[in-house]
Amino acid sequence: MAMDSATVIEGATLVLGDRLVPASLRFEGGVMTAIDGPRDGATVIDGRGHVVGPAFIDIHGDAFERQLMPRPGTMFPVDAALLETDRQLAANGIATTYHALTLSWEPGLRSVEMGRAVFEALVHLQSRLLVENRLQLRWESFCFEAVDLIRDALQGPFTPAIAFNDHTSMALLDPSVTMQERPFEFSPDFPVADLNDPAFLARMGERAKRAKMSLEDMVERIASIWERRPEVPGVIETVASLGRAAGAPMLSHDDSQIETRDYFRGQGARISEFPMNRRVALAAREAGDAIVFGAPNAARGGSHLGSSPAVAEMVRQGLCDVLASDYYYPAMLIGLARLTADGVGTLPSLWPLVSGNPARALGLDDRGEIAPGKRADLVMVEWPEQAMPAVRRTWVAGRTAYDATPAG
């Protein structure tokens, strides 16, 4: 279907602000033009029995890594992996995605070299992609080698987001301290693990597999990287200044202390991504920061980390603005369904978690809601009562990105 031809969806229930409204929706030239407007020779889509809402905007998704490396150490071509990921995004109602591209000192899947390959592939694949594929530069702050790639990506066709990560300090954290309560990473009293501790070695074993390194080499590598610690704050300031100059949205990842959130807010990162306890989320809310949690947490009824905050409670308390697919693209819709079924909120009150709120947090003012003049990024969902919903159609700027007809 051509983007500039008029289309009218009739018979559907629209997600309009805080209401569900039976109405028709017209879009043409890539934007929505009327609610309950004329047909005027438009192509008519039968929306009966479906909910139509603004398509999902995924602020952080790293499930694409499973297309690059479906088994530990087994890599597939980058172009093939991204094209397959793109199809999955469209089929799950995600019209705008920020791939959480880890830029780490580790070799292999999360290396700077792989990051550059993904960045360059997304640039040359643009005309073949179904949805808007952007990058969240999930930068490991001990990885100084990534700064040139960050600078290049900030000058690319779509402004990326920058997420400040420190999994190096988390990896070296003494096992007696939980990740959820670890001190600020630059604290002089940060408790460091014994590199011969079995718990530490088990943690390193998983990293070594992903990086195709021996355990001994991985331990030696992270010990040498840890020696960079005094220089890290200066490199963070360099990256943050690049982000501020480019107008890039910036996030801090896995904040465990109010001091951590305050530090990154001072750098210009006004999004707290996956705060690890209620105390930090409350501080973020009081400061006016956007707060992100994982949709899998909402879909499963709790975090896979066990002691991290439950999304349902965070939403009830007004401490969650955005749901991200995190590691599972279908979780955005499943999470909406679970929160609605559990009475956490009504469907229209919850839908902004996956559309309007991430749009605002990311500075994407042209999308995220159903309204004339907004970009026609839409998802049509079959939603039987008391049953699992399913995406049936996705439009991106008025273009059909996904269309599925069930057997029944």
Foldseek 3Di string as FASTA:
>chain_A
DDQAAKEKEAQAFELAFLDTHHWIWIHGQQFTADTNDDCVVGHYHYQHLWYKWFFFAFQEEAQLLCLQPVDQPDGDDLLVSVQVVLLVCFQQRHQHYAYAQADDPFAASNHLVVVVSNLVSCQVCVVVGLHHYHHAHAYALLRLVNLVVLLVSLVGPDHHEYEYDHVLLVLQQAPVDDLLAFDDSLDPPGHGHDLVDPVSLVSLVVSCRNRVHDSVVSSVVSVVSVVCVVVRVVSLLVSLVSCVVSVFAYEYEQANDCVNVVVVVVSVHQEYEQHFAVVNLVSSVVVVGAYEDELVLLLVVHDPVPRGDRVLVCLLVVSHQAYHPYNHSNSVQSSLVSSCVVPSDHSSVCQLNGFVRVCVSGVVVQGRGDDGRHRPFMWMWNDDPPDRIGTAWTDHSSHTSHHHDDPD
